[in-house]
Protein backbone atom coordinates (compact mmCIF):
# COMPACT_ATOMS: atom_id res chain seq x y z
CA MET A 1 6.11 -2.92 -14.85
CA GLY A 2 7.96 -6.02 -13.05
CA ARG A 3 6.94 -9.54 -14.26
CA PRO A 4 4.44 -9.94 -17.29
CA VAL A 5 0.98 -10.96 -16.04
CA ALA A 6 -1.98 -12.31 -17.87
CA ILE A 7 -5.71 -13.18 -17.19
CA ILE A 8 -6.24 -16.93 -17.76
CA GLY A 9 -9.93 -17.17 -16.70
CA VAL A 10 -13.15 -15.16 -16.09
CA GLY A 11 -16.44 -16.16 -14.32
CA GLN A 12 -19.70 -14.20 -13.93
CA THR A 13 -22.91 -14.74 -12.18
CA TYR A 14 -26.31 -13.94 -14.07
CA HIS A 15 -26.62 -10.42 -12.97
CA GLY A 16 -29.97 -8.93 -11.77
CA ARG A 17 -32.26 -9.15 -8.92
CA ARG A 18 -31.00 -12.44 -7.64
CA MET A 19 -33.29 -13.23 -4.73
CA ASP A 20 -32.92 -16.85 -5.62
CA VAL A 21 -29.63 -16.86 -3.82
CA SER A 22 -28.10 -15.64 -0.54
CA TYR A 23 -25.15 -13.37 -0.75
CA PRO A 24 -22.32 -15.83 -0.23
CA GLU A 25 -24.08 -18.30 -2.68
CA LEU A 26 -23.82 -15.41 -5.32
CA VAL A 27 -20.07 -14.87 -4.81
CA ARG A 28 -19.50 -18.69 -4.99
CA GLU A 29 -21.36 -18.77 -8.22
CA ALA A 30 -18.71 -16.64 -9.74
CA VAL A 31 -15.90 -18.33 -8.23
CA MET A 32 -16.91 -21.66 -9.39
CA ALA A 33 -17.50 -20.48 -12.68
CA VAL A 34 -13.89 -19.22 -13.11
CA PHE A 35 -12.66 -22.52 -11.78
CA LYS A 36 -14.48 -24.30 -14.35
CA ASP A 37 -13.28 -21.81 -17.15
CA THR A 38 -9.73 -22.69 -16.15
CA GLY A 39 -9.81 -26.16 -14.98
CA LEU A 40 -7.96 -25.12 -11.65
CA THR A 41 -8.77 -25.91 -8.14
CA PRO A 42 -8.64 -23.67 -5.15
CA ASP A 43 -5.55 -25.42 -3.93
CA ASP A 44 -3.74 -23.98 -7.05
CA ILE A 45 -4.38 -20.36 -6.06
CA ASP A 46 -1.83 -18.46 -4.03
CA GLY A 47 -4.09 -15.73 -2.69
CA VAL A 48 -7.34 -13.80 -3.17
CA VAL A 49 -8.15 -10.35 -3.54
CA SER A 50 -11.81 -9.28 -3.04
CA GLY A 51 -13.96 -6.09 -2.55
CA THR A 52 -17.16 -4.38 -2.54
CA MET A 53 -18.63 -0.77 -2.63
CA PRO A 54 -17.90 0.34 1.00
CA SER A 55 -18.68 -2.44 3.40
CA MET A 56 -21.45 -0.15 4.81
CA MET A 57 -23.45 -1.21 1.58
CA GLU A 58 -23.33 -4.61 2.95
CA GLY A 59 -24.10 -4.23 6.51
CA ILE A 60 -20.93 -6.28 7.30
CA ALA A 61 -17.60 -4.86 8.33
CA LEU A 62 -15.12 -7.46 7.29
CA THR A 63 -16.63 -8.69 4.04
CA HIS A 64 -13.39 -10.45 3.07
CA PHE A 65 -13.95 -12.81 6.10
CA TYR A 66 -17.50 -13.22 5.65
CA PHE A 67 -17.17 -14.42 2.24
CA ALA A 68 -13.87 -16.50 2.73
CA ASP A 69 -15.76 -19.97 2.36
CA ALA A 70 -17.74 -18.82 -0.80
CA MET A 71 -14.40 -17.50 -2.36
CA GLN A 72 -12.65 -20.90 -1.49
CA ALA A 73 -10.02 -18.70 0.31
CA VAL A 74 -9.88 -20.45 3.65
CA GLY A 75 -6.11 -20.79 4.69
CA LYS A 76 -4.93 -18.52 2.00
CA PRO A 77 -3.78 -14.88 2.06
CA ILE A 78 -6.65 -12.45 1.57
CA MET A 79 -6.54 -8.82 0.49
CA LYS A 80 -9.55 -6.40 0.64
CA THR A 81 -9.58 -3.49 -1.92
CA GLU A 82 -12.31 -1.04 -1.81
CA THR A 83 -12.59 2.40 -3.70
CA CYS A 84 -16.53 2.82 -4.27
CA GLY A 85 -17.34 2.54 -7.94
CA SER A 86 -13.77 1.82 -9.15
CA THR A 87 -13.42 -1.05 -6.58
CA GLY A 88 -13.46 -3.70 -9.46
CA VAL A 89 -10.68 -2.34 -11.28
CA SER A 90 -8.75 -1.47 -7.93
CA ILE A 91 -9.34 -5.27 -7.34
CA ALA A 92 -7.77 -6.25 -10.76
CA GLN A 93 -4.82 -3.96 -10.14
CA THR A 94 -4.09 -5.25 -6.73
CA ALA A 95 -4.13 -8.81 -8.09
CA TYR A 96 -1.95 -7.71 -10.95
CA TYR A 97 0.76 -6.12 -8.83
CA TRP A 98 0.66 -9.27 -6.52
CA VAL A 99 1.63 -11.52 -9.42
CA SER A 100 3.88 -8.83 -11.24
CA SER A 101 5.94 -8.24 -8.06
CA GLY A 102 6.99 -11.98 -7.73
CA ALA A 103 5.01 -12.61 -4.65
CA ALA A 104 2.40 -14.91 -6.11
CA ASP A 105 1.98 -17.08 -9.52
CA LEU A 106 -2.12 -17.23 -9.26
CA VAL A 107 -4.10 -14.80 -7.83
CA LEU A 108 -7.98 -14.98 -7.84
CA ALA A 109 -9.63 -11.66 -7.89
CA VAL A 110 -13.47 -11.38 -6.94
CA GLY A 111 -15.86 -8.29 -7.01
CA HIS A 112 -19.44 -8.78 -5.76
CA GLU A 113 -22.56 -6.74 -4.64
CA LYS A 114 -25.95 -7.61 -3.59
CA MET A 115 -27.38 -4.09 -4.18
CA ASN A 116 -31.20 -5.18 -3.94
CA GLU A 117 -30.45 -6.11 -0.35
CA GLY A 118 -29.48 -2.66 0.68
CA ASN A 119 -29.94 1.07 0.00
CA SER A 120 -27.31 2.18 -2.40
CA GLN A 121 -28.18 5.81 -2.72
CA ALA A 122 -28.57 6.30 0.96
CA THR A 123 -25.02 4.96 1.18
CA MET A 124 -23.59 7.03 -1.63
CA THR A 125 -25.31 10.24 -0.06
CA THR A 126 -23.92 9.45 3.10
CA VAL A 127 -20.33 8.83 2.10
CA ALA A 128 -20.09 12.62 1.11
CA GLU A 129 -18.67 15.10 3.63
CA PRO A 130 -21.55 15.75 6.04
CA PHE A 131 -21.44 19.40 6.67
CA TYR A 132 -21.32 20.88 2.99
CA GLN A 133 -21.62 18.33 0.15
CA ARG A 134 -24.03 16.05 1.42
CA TYR A 135 -27.02 18.59 1.12
CA PHE A 136 -26.73 19.08 -2.56
CA ILE A 137 -25.09 16.01 -4.21
CA SER A 138 -28.13 13.79 -3.71
CA GLY A 139 -26.25 10.78 -4.30
CA ALA A 140 -24.64 9.57 -7.54
CA PRO A 141 -27.22 11.03 -9.95
CA GLY A 142 -26.77 14.53 -8.35
CA VAL A 143 -22.96 14.34 -8.88
CA PHE A 144 -23.10 13.30 -12.39
CA SER A 145 -25.89 15.86 -13.13
CA MET A 146 -23.65 18.56 -12.23
CA GLN A 147 -20.75 17.29 -14.27
CA SER A 148 -22.70 16.77 -17.32
CA GLN A 149 -23.90 20.30 -17.03
CA MET A 150 -20.30 21.58 -16.47
CA TRP A 151 -19.34 19.62 -19.74
CA THR A 152 -21.93 20.90 -22.01
CA ALA A 153 -21.44 24.63 -20.79
CA ARG A 154 -17.68 24.37 -21.00
CA TYR A 155 -17.85 23.58 -24.63
CA GLY A 156 -21.12 25.34 -25.87
CA ILE A 157 -22.44 22.01 -26.93
CA PRO A 158 -26.25 22.46 -27.79
CA GLU A 159 -28.61 20.99 -25.20
CA GLU A 160 -30.53 18.98 -28.07
CA LYS A 161 -27.37 17.65 -29.42
CA THR A 162 -26.34 16.22 -26.13
CA ARG A 163 -29.61 14.87 -25.35
CA ASP A 164 -29.88 13.21 -28.64
CA ALA A 165 -26.12 11.51 -28.14
CA ALA A 166 -26.98 10.49 -24.81
CA ALA A 167 -30.29 9.00 -26.08
CA PHE A 168 -28.44 7.17 -28.87
CA ILE A 169 -26.05 5.83 -26.36
CA SER A 170 -28.87 4.41 -24.30
CA VAL A 171 -30.65 2.91 -27.17
CA THR A 172 -27.35 1.20 -28.52
CA HIS A 173 -26.29 -0.31 -25.01
CA HIS A 174 -29.76 -1.54 -24.16
CA ASP A 175 -29.64 -3.32 -27.71
CA ASP A 176 -26.08 -4.61 -26.73
CA ALA A 177 -27.12 -6.18 -23.67
CA PHE A 178 -29.53 -8.56 -25.68
CA ASP A 179 -26.35 -10.47 -26.87
CA ASN A 180 -24.88 -10.71 -23.24
CA PRO A 181 -26.21 -13.41 -21.54
CA TYR A 182 -25.08 -12.08 -18.04
CA ALA A 183 -26.51 -8.52 -18.43
CA HIS A 184 -29.15 -7.41 -16.15
CA ILE A 185 -31.31 -4.93 -18.03
CA LYS A 186 -32.56 -5.71 -21.48
CA LEU A 187 -34.88 -3.42 -23.24
CA LYS A 188 -35.78 -2.31 -26.45
CA VAL A 189 -36.18 1.31 -26.41
CA SER A 190 -36.28 4.15 -28.89
CA MET A 191 -34.39 7.65 -28.63
CA GLU A 192 -38.05 8.97 -28.03
CA ASP A 193 -38.39 6.62 -25.13
CA VAL A 194 -35.14 7.62 -23.50
CA LYS A 195 -35.74 11.56 -24.02
CA ASN A 196 -39.19 11.25 -22.50
CA SER A 197 -38.23 8.97 -19.56
CA ARG A 198 -38.77 10.79 -16.32
CA ILE A 199 -36.30 13.18 -14.96
CA ILE A 200 -33.85 11.94 -12.13
CA THR A 201 -31.62 14.80 -11.64
CA TYR A 202 -31.56 17.39 -14.72
CA PRO A 203 -30.67 16.66 -17.40
CA VAL A 204 -30.37 12.87 -16.34
CA ARG A 205 -33.49 10.92 -17.09
CA LEU A 206 -34.46 7.46 -16.10
CA LEU A 207 -33.15 5.61 -19.15
CA ASP A 208 -29.63 7.49 -18.71
CA VAL A 209 -29.05 5.80 -15.40
CA CYS A 210 -27.54 2.29 -14.72
CA PRO A 211 -29.71 -0.20 -12.50
CA ASN A 212 -29.18 -1.71 -9.07
CA SER A 213 -27.70 -5.14 -9.72
CA ASP A 214 -27.01 -7.93 -7.69
CA GLY A 215 -24.05 -10.07 -8.94
CA ALA A 216 -20.14 -11.13 -8.68
CA CYS A 217 -17.24 -11.53 -10.95
CA ALA A 218 -14.17 -13.61 -10.65
CA VAL A 219 -10.94 -13.41 -12.58
CA ILE A 220 -7.60 -15.36 -12.17
CA PHE A 221 -4.35 -13.44 -12.88
CA ALA A 222 -1.31 -15.70 -13.65
CA SER A 223 2.30 -15.14 -13.94
CA GLU A 224 4.14 -15.80 -17.48
CA LYS A 225 5.37 -19.10 -15.93
CA MET A 226 1.89 -20.21 -15.16
CA VAL A 227 0.60 -19.10 -18.62
CA LYS A 228 3.18 -21.30 -20.43
CA LYS A 229 2.64 -24.39 -17.85
CA LEU A 230 -1.19 -24.19 -18.00
CA LYS A 231 -1.19 -23.70 -21.86
CA LYS A 232 -4.26 -21.22 -21.38
CA LYS A 233 -5.25 -18.54 -23.83
CA PRO A 234 -4.11 -15.33 -22.14
CA ALA A 235 -5.25 -11.87 -22.06
CA TRP A 236 -1.77 -10.03 -21.16
CA VAL A 237 -1.93 -6.98 -19.14
CA ARG A 238 -0.04 -4.43 -21.23
CA GLY A 239 -0.79 -1.35 -19.15
CA VAL A 240 -2.30 0.00 -15.97
CA GLY A 241 -3.08 3.47 -14.70
CA TYR A 242 -4.61 4.72 -11.51
CA ARG A 243 -5.38 8.22 -10.47
CA GLY A 244 -7.20 10.06 -7.60
CA GLU A 245 -7.83 13.61 -7.04
CA GLU A 246 -9.46 16.03 -4.33
CA TYR A 247 -12.44 14.57 -2.16
CA PHE A 248 -14.59 17.72 -2.41
CA PHE A 249 -16.27 17.44 -5.69
CA GLY A 250 -15.72 21.41 -6.69
CA ASP A 251 -12.11 21.38 -5.88
CA SER A 252 -11.05 19.73 -9.24
CA ASP A 253 -11.79 20.18 -12.73
CA LYS A 254 -14.41 17.25 -13.76
CA VAL A 255 -14.43 18.26 -17.39
CA VAL A 256 -11.02 18.34 -18.29
CA TRP A 257 -10.77 15.64 -15.88
CA GLU A 258 -7.10 15.06 -14.73
CA ALA A 259 -7.52 11.72 -12.83
CA ALA A 260 -9.07 10.26 -15.88
CA ILE A 261 -6.62 11.69 -18.48
CA GLN A 262 -3.55 10.81 -16.36
CA ALA A 263 -4.92 7.21 -15.44
CA ALA A 264 -5.32 6.61 -19.21
CA GLN A 265 -1.92 8.30 -20.25
CA GLN A 266 -0.10 6.12 -17.68
CA ALA A 267 -1.55 2.94 -19.05
CA TYR A 268 -1.13 4.00 -22.75
CA ASP A 269 2.74 4.77 -22.17
CA GLN A 270 3.12 1.27 -20.52
CA ALA A 271 1.22 -0.35 -23.56
CA GLY A 272 3.00 1.81 -26.30
CA ILE A 273 -0.42 3.30 -27.45
CA ARG A 274 -0.01 6.68 -29.07
CA ASN A 275 -3.39 6.91 -30.93
CA PRO A 276 -6.14 5.11 -28.86
CA ARG A 277 -8.85 5.48 -31.13
CA LYS A 278 -6.81 4.03 -34.05
CA GLU A 279 -4.73 1.29 -32.05
CA LEU A 280 -7.47 -0.02 -29.35
CA ASP A 281 -9.95 -2.55 -30.97
CA VAL A 282 -12.53 -2.04 -28.20
CA ALA A 283 -13.02 -0.31 -25.10
CA GLU A 284 -15.14 -1.15 -21.90
CA VAL A 285 -15.79 2.18 -20.39
CA TYR A 286 -17.42 2.65 -17.15
CA ASN A 287 -20.63 4.23 -17.96
CA PRO A 288 -23.34 4.38 -15.11
CA PHE A 289 -24.73 7.56 -17.07
CA THR A 290 -24.99 8.14 -20.58
CA PHE A 291 -23.78 11.90 -20.34
CA GLN A 292 -20.55 10.78 -18.39
CA GLU A 293 -19.52 8.15 -21.03
CA MET A 294 -18.96 10.91 -23.69
CA LEU A 295 -16.93 12.71 -21.19
CA PHE A 296 -14.72 9.69 -20.95
CA TYR A 297 -14.42 9.44 -24.68
CA GLU A 298 -12.51 12.86 -24.54
CA CYS A 299 -10.56 12.19 -21.54
CA PHE A 300 -9.31 9.16 -22.98
CA GLY A 301 -8.06 10.61 -26.07
CA PHE A 302 -10.87 8.89 -28.19
CA CYS A 303 -11.61 12.30 -29.65
CA GLU A 304 -11.09 16.02 -29.09
CA LEU A 305 -12.70 17.94 -26.08
CA GLY A 306 -16.35 18.72 -26.79
CA GLU A 307 -16.38 16.52 -30.03
CA SER A 308 -17.94 13.36 -28.55
CA PRO A 309 -21.81 14.22 -29.10
CA ASP A 310 -20.90 14.43 -32.93
CA LEU A 311 -18.97 11.34 -33.18
CA VAL A 312 -21.62 9.24 -31.02
CA LEU A 313 -24.34 10.23 -33.43
CA LYS A 314 -22.24 9.19 -36.44
CA GLY A 315 -21.82 5.73 -34.84
CA THR A 316 -18.08 5.78 -34.18
CA PHE A 317 -18.40 4.09 -30.86
CA THR A 318 -20.90 1.40 -31.62
CA ARG A 319 -20.15 -2.28 -32.16
CA LYS A 320 -19.66 -1.79 -36.02
CA GLY A 321 -17.97 1.58 -35.54
CA GLU A 322 -14.38 2.75 -35.66
CA LEU A 323 -13.85 1.93 -31.63
CA PRO A 324 -16.63 -0.16 -30.39
CA CYS A 325 -17.39 0.88 -26.86
CA ASP A 326 -19.10 -1.35 -24.29
CA PRO A 327 -20.50 -3.94 -26.64
CA SER A 328 -21.42 -5.92 -23.52
CA GLY A 329 -24.03 -3.24 -22.58
CA GLY A 330 -21.77 -1.86 -20.21
CA THR A 331 -22.57 -0.49 -16.50
CA LEU A 332 -25.63 1.31 -18.13
CA CYS A 333 -27.12 -2.30 -18.23
CA THR A 334 -25.56 -4.19 -15.33
CA ASN A 335 -24.13 -2.59 -12.00
CA PRO A 336 -23.20 -4.74 -9.15
CA ILE A 337 -20.78 -1.92 -8.12
CA GLY A 338 -18.17 -4.03 -6.27
CA ALA A 339 -17.96 -6.12 -9.19
CA THR A 340 -18.82 -3.54 -11.85
CA GLY A 341 -15.25 -2.46 -12.84
CA LEU A 342 -13.77 -6.09 -12.55
CA ILE A 343 -16.65 -7.00 -15.18
CA ARG A 344 -15.07 -4.46 -17.44
CA VAL A 345 -11.72 -6.03 -17.17
CA ALA A 346 -13.40 -9.41 -17.64
CA GLU A 347 -15.17 -8.35 -20.59
CA ALA A 348 -12.03 -6.89 -22.19
CA ALA A 349 -10.23 -10.20 -21.42
CA LEU A 350 -13.01 -12.06 -23.40
CA GLN A 351 -12.75 -9.70 -26.25
CA VAL A 352 -8.92 -10.19 -26.75
CA THR A 353 -9.17 -14.02 -26.39
CA GLY A 354 -11.93 -14.32 -28.57
CA LYS A 355 -14.35 -15.72 -26.07
CA ALA A 356 -16.96 -12.98 -25.99
CA GLY A 357 -19.54 -14.94 -27.69
CA ALA A 358 -22.44 -13.02 -29.51
CA HIS A 359 -21.27 -9.60 -28.43
CA GLN A 360 -17.52 -10.50 -29.75
CA ILE A 361 -15.67 -7.54 -31.90
CA PRO A 362 -14.07 -9.53 -34.66
CA GLY A 363 -10.30 -9.77 -34.56
CA ALA A 364 -10.14 -7.59 -31.47
CA LYS A 365 -6.44 -7.88 -29.92
CA LEU A 366 -6.16 -4.76 -27.64
CA ALA A 367 -8.90 -3.69 -25.22
CA LEU A 368 -9.17 -0.92 -22.67
CA ALA A 369 -11.04 -1.57 -19.52
CA HIS A 370 -12.02 1.37 -17.06
CA ALA A 371 -13.95 2.06 -13.71
CA MET A 372 -14.26 5.48 -11.94
CA GLY A 373 -15.23 5.61 -8.15
CA GLY A 374 -14.60 7.42 -4.91
CA VAL A 375 -16.91 10.66 -4.71
CA ASP A 376 -16.14 11.03 -8.47
CA GLN A 377 -12.38 11.43 -7.96
CA PHE A 378 -10.80 7.92 -8.83
CA ASN A 379 -9.99 6.52 -12.28
CA GLY A 380 -8.39 3.22 -13.25
CA ILE A 381 -7.58 1.67 -16.62
CA MET A 382 -6.26 -1.59 -17.58
CA ILE A 383 -5.15 -2.48 -21.22
CA LEU A 384 -5.24 -6.00 -22.17
CA GLY A 385 -3.91 -7.61 -25.45
CA SER A 386 -3.98 -10.86 -27.00
CA GLU A 387 -0.04 -10.64 -27.41
CA LEU A 388 2.53 -9.68 -24.57
């Protein structure tokens, strides 16, 4: 894995419909927050990694140059990483490898999106292959609707059970978001509210879906030498995994999803994890849709295939359950796409350093962060621990 690497600082904006600031001001808000958190200055940083959901979402081609001033990156090496929804975890892994390789000691990773000034669904529909897929995918909801139906059909899970489990997840995460000061959507909803909300793409309903959020997240990755020098409480990177597969949605199995399974297994092998449900203390699973979250539980080995609705309804993955998942409210409540995966990493770092505030999982020492992207074909994992 190269040199040991840790996260030593996290900065987030307040996420939501941020019409009070320009896009560069939004990015700067997160960057200044991480410098305040660490006590570092821009002069201390060796390089910067940044990214958004594809640049067409911004209407700007060279976003890393457009935001160079806001990221305090002028005169420093800048790398841009973009992998659609998984951009945030790709940024984190790029920064990690930059430090782990020995090429840098302190790297700033910045993910950002101002979705309310663009048209996210138009972008996500038009990134699909134009002659075949574009006509029936209908943006992100169409893809995940098909995936959820494949999953329930494959294992013969009763429709009412999956509907109840999805509603339970929605209620739980919307409740959790009240304890996260940066979360976008904070709603008190009942299971009946979720099940009766309007259909987006069957079986996905409005309260099963993540929002369009404006926001940014900044994280500083440091070498072991710098961790010792700065004496900051670190979240050590214990394992990383990333996998991709075929571009055409129908060319790979999205239920026994090899990209998700193999990315998790790669990270588990590096971290020495054999039983993730028992060994992990908390997980920040990328959950833009309630149904997809359950599928990830199975692909990551948190439970057997087809078993997740039963465990969800038992409370296994709630904040007081056996393996708390998304205690921040997750992507379901906050989704500035280019930042979303990096927020998962940041939240995992806050958990293992005991800095998560009101949504802290007591005693958390080992955390999983995840993001999914591409046209439903990329999965990235980062395991963080309080000890090396």
